[in-house]
Amino acid sequence: MVNPVIEFPKSRRVDRQCTDTVVGDILAGWRYDISGLSPAMRKDYEHHLSECSHCRSRQRLARTIDVLLLSVSSLSILAFLLAAAVLHRIETITHLSNSLHGHLHHTPITISLEAAAIAGVLVSVLLCLLVAMSTPIPGIVSSAVQQRLPENIRERISRNAA
């Protein structure tokens, strides 16, 4: 009995190998980031990415990881800010209720949790800045925004930059 060969349509087929290993290795070394290259140098790499499904999928994976890292670090900032605000609010309510009853009851646990939440905010901000500096996401976003600006505003920005 002959085993039938299953062929996928060309649009669903994913090549497991790079079509040009030299260019593919260079792109992989840069984590598939060509946003910082000059337009003359970028042309060859864009052409390779348009032809090579392997490198295109690797670039998409690298950008997905970058966006996820930036999103998680941004969300952790919000979570720690919310925790600090809630703990501060609880401490304020506790002090008000204690002063109404005439008891002076300190809440060192709440204060230390609030300090931990503020430390978490600072560490999350630091991580977010490190992720933003080490990934090409800010450059990609700024170039996408510049492309969507009207021509007269782009000219004004380029004149001010020079």
Protein backbone atom coordinates (compact mmCIF):
# COMPACT_ATOMS: atom_id res chain seq x y z
CA MET A 1 0.00 0.00 0.00
CA VAL A 2 1.34 3.42 -0.95
CA ASN A 3 1.24 6.21 1.62
CA PRO A 4 -0.50 9.24 0.18
CA VAL A 5 1.46 12.49 0.26
CA ILE A 6 -0.51 15.37 1.69
CA GLU A 7 0.32 18.70 0.13
CA PHE A 8 -0.89 21.93 1.61
CA PRO A 9 -1.89 24.85 -0.55
CA LYS A 10 0.97 27.28 -1.13
CA SER A 11 -0.58 29.94 1.13
CA ARG A 12 -0.66 27.55 4.12
CA ARG A 13 2.75 26.01 3.56
CA VAL A 14 5.45 27.20 5.95
CA ASP A 15 9.04 26.78 4.81
CA ARG A 16 11.26 25.52 7.59
CA GLN A 17 14.44 26.85 5.99
CA CYS A 18 15.61 30.34 5.14
CA THR A 19 15.95 31.06 1.42
CA ASP A 20 19.20 33.02 1.92
CA THR A 21 21.04 31.86 5.02
CA VAL A 22 23.55 34.75 4.99
CA VAL A 23 20.83 37.42 5.08
CA GLY A 24 18.73 35.28 7.41
CA ASP A 25 21.61 34.98 9.89
CA ILE A 26 22.16 38.75 9.81
CA LEU A 27 18.48 39.40 10.38
CA ALA A 28 18.35 36.86 13.21
CA GLY A 29 21.32 38.57 14.88
CA TRP A 30 19.38 41.82 14.90
CA ARG A 31 16.26 40.05 16.13
CA TYR A 32 14.75 40.82 12.71
CA ASP A 33 14.79 44.57 13.34
CA ILE A 34 15.42 46.67 10.24
CA SER A 35 13.71 49.83 11.45
CA GLY A 36 16.98 51.59 12.29
CA LEU A 37 18.66 50.95 8.94
CA SER A 38 19.04 53.53 6.20
CA PRO A 39 16.56 53.15 3.33
CA ALA A 40 19.32 52.02 0.96
CA MET A 41 20.41 49.19 3.24
CA ARG A 42 16.87 48.31 4.23
CA LYS A 43 15.79 47.52 0.66
CA ASP A 44 17.64 44.17 0.46
CA TYR A 45 16.38 43.05 3.86
CA GLU A 46 12.79 44.05 3.08
CA HIS A 47 13.03 42.12 -0.18
CA HIS A 48 14.31 39.06 1.70
CA LEU A 49 11.56 39.34 4.31
CA SER A 50 8.91 39.58 1.59
CA GLU A 51 10.21 36.39 -0.06
CA CYS A 52 11.28 34.26 2.91
CA SER A 53 8.38 32.97 4.96
CA HIS A 54 10.77 31.54 7.56
CA CYS A 55 12.34 34.93 8.37
CA ARG A 56 8.98 36.66 8.15
CA SER A 57 7.51 34.30 10.75
CA ARG A 58 10.59 34.74 12.97
CA GLN A 59 10.27 38.53 12.70
CA ARG A 60 6.59 38.31 13.62
CA LEU A 61 7.48 36.16 16.64
CA ALA A 62 10.18 38.62 17.76
CA ARG A 63 7.76 41.58 17.49
CA THR A 64 5.08 39.63 19.39
CA ILE A 65 7.52 38.93 22.22
CA ASP A 66 8.53 42.60 22.29
CA VAL A 67 4.93 43.79 22.48
CA LEU A 68 4.10 41.23 25.19
CA LEU A 69 7.10 42.30 27.30
CA LEU A 70 6.15 45.95 27.01
CA SER A 71 2.49 45.19 27.77
CA VAL A 72 3.26 43.06 30.83
CA SER A 73 5.64 45.63 32.28
CA SER A 74 3.09 48.42 31.68
CA LEU A 75 0.32 46.38 33.28
CA SER A 76 2.50 45.64 36.30
CA ILE A 77 2.98 49.39 36.77
CA LEU A 78 -0.78 49.83 36.85
CA ALA A 79 -1.27 46.90 39.22
CA PHE A 80 1.31 48.17 41.70
CA LEU A 81 -0.12 51.71 41.50
CA LEU A 82 -3.57 50.34 42.23
CA ALA A 83 -2.23 48.30 45.15
CA ALA A 84 -0.44 51.35 46.59
CA ALA A 85 -3.56 53.48 46.26
CA VAL A 86 -5.80 50.85 47.90
CA LEU A 87 -3.36 50.31 50.76
CA HIS A 88 -3.01 54.05 51.30
CA ARG A 89 -6.78 54.37 51.36
CA ILE A 90 -7.10 51.50 53.86
CA GLU A 91 -4.47 53.11 56.09
CA THR A 92 -6.31 56.45 55.99
CA ILE A 93 -9.64 54.84 56.86
CA THR A 94 -8.01 52.86 59.69
CA HIS A 95 -6.48 56.02 61.18
CA LEU A 96 -9.80 57.86 60.95
CA SER A 97 -11.73 55.09 62.63
CA ASN A 98 -9.10 54.73 65.36
CA SER A 99 -9.04 58.45 66.07
CA LEU A 100 -12.85 58.54 66.34
CA HIS A 101 -12.78 55.81 68.96
CA GLY A 102 -9.90 57.44 70.82
CA HIS A 103 -7.48 54.58 70.24
CA LEU A 104 -4.05 55.10 68.80
CA HIS A 105 -3.45 51.92 66.89
CA HIS A 106 -0.54 51.87 64.44
CA THR A 107 -0.72 49.77 61.33
CA PRO A 108 2.87 48.84 60.44
CA ILE A 109 1.71 45.99 58.21
CA THR A 110 -0.29 48.35 56.00
CA ILE A 111 2.58 50.81 55.81
CA SER A 112 5.08 48.11 54.87
CA LEU A 113 2.72 46.70 52.22
CA GLU A 114 2.29 50.20 50.82
CA ALA A 115 6.07 50.62 50.70
CA ALA A 116 6.36 47.28 48.91
CA ALA A 117 3.74 48.40 46.38
CA ILE A 118 5.64 51.65 45.75
CA ALA A 119 8.87 49.67 45.33
CA GLY A 120 7.02 47.46 42.86
CA VAL A 121 5.96 50.54 40.90
CA LEU A 122 9.58 51.74 40.73
CA VAL A 123 10.91 48.34 39.65
CA SER A 124 8.13 48.02 37.04
CA VAL A 125 8.90 51.47 35.62
CA LEU A 126 12.57 50.54 35.40
CA LEU A 127 11.73 47.27 33.62
CA CYS A 128 9.37 49.05 31.25
CA LEU A 129 12.09 51.56 30.34
CA LEU A 130 14.63 48.78 29.80
CA VAL A 131 12.23 46.86 27.56
CA ALA A 132 11.39 50.01 25.59
CA MET A 133 15.09 50.81 25.11
CA SER A 134 16.10 47.28 24.10
CA THR A 135 13.27 46.60 21.65
CA PRO A 136 12.53 48.34 18.36
CA ILE A 137 8.88 48.93 19.30
CA PRO A 138 9.24 52.71 19.98
CA GLY A 139 10.99 53.21 16.63
CA ILE A 140 8.40 51.15 14.78
CA VAL A 141 5.54 53.06 16.41
CA SER A 142 7.10 56.47 15.70
CA SER A 143 7.75 55.62 12.04
CA ALA A 144 4.18 54.33 11.68
CA VAL A 145 2.83 57.55 13.20
CA GLN A 146 5.05 59.69 10.95
CA GLN A 147 3.81 57.85 7.88
CA ARG A 148 0.21 58.62 8.82
CA LEU A 149 0.85 62.33 9.35
CA PRO A 150 -0.11 64.74 6.59
CA GLU A 151 2.76 65.81 4.30
CA ASN A 152 2.87 69.43 5.51
CA ILE A 153 3.29 68.37 9.14
CA ARG A 154 6.03 65.88 8.19
CA GLU A 155 7.90 68.64 6.33
CA ARG A 156 7.61 70.95 9.33
CA ILE A 157 8.96 68.25 11.65
CA SER A 158 11.90 67.49 9.36
CA ARG A 159 12.75 71.23 9.08
CA ASN A 160 12.67 71.60 12.88
CA ALA A 161 14.85 68.51 13.34
CA ALA A 162 17.53 69.84 10.98
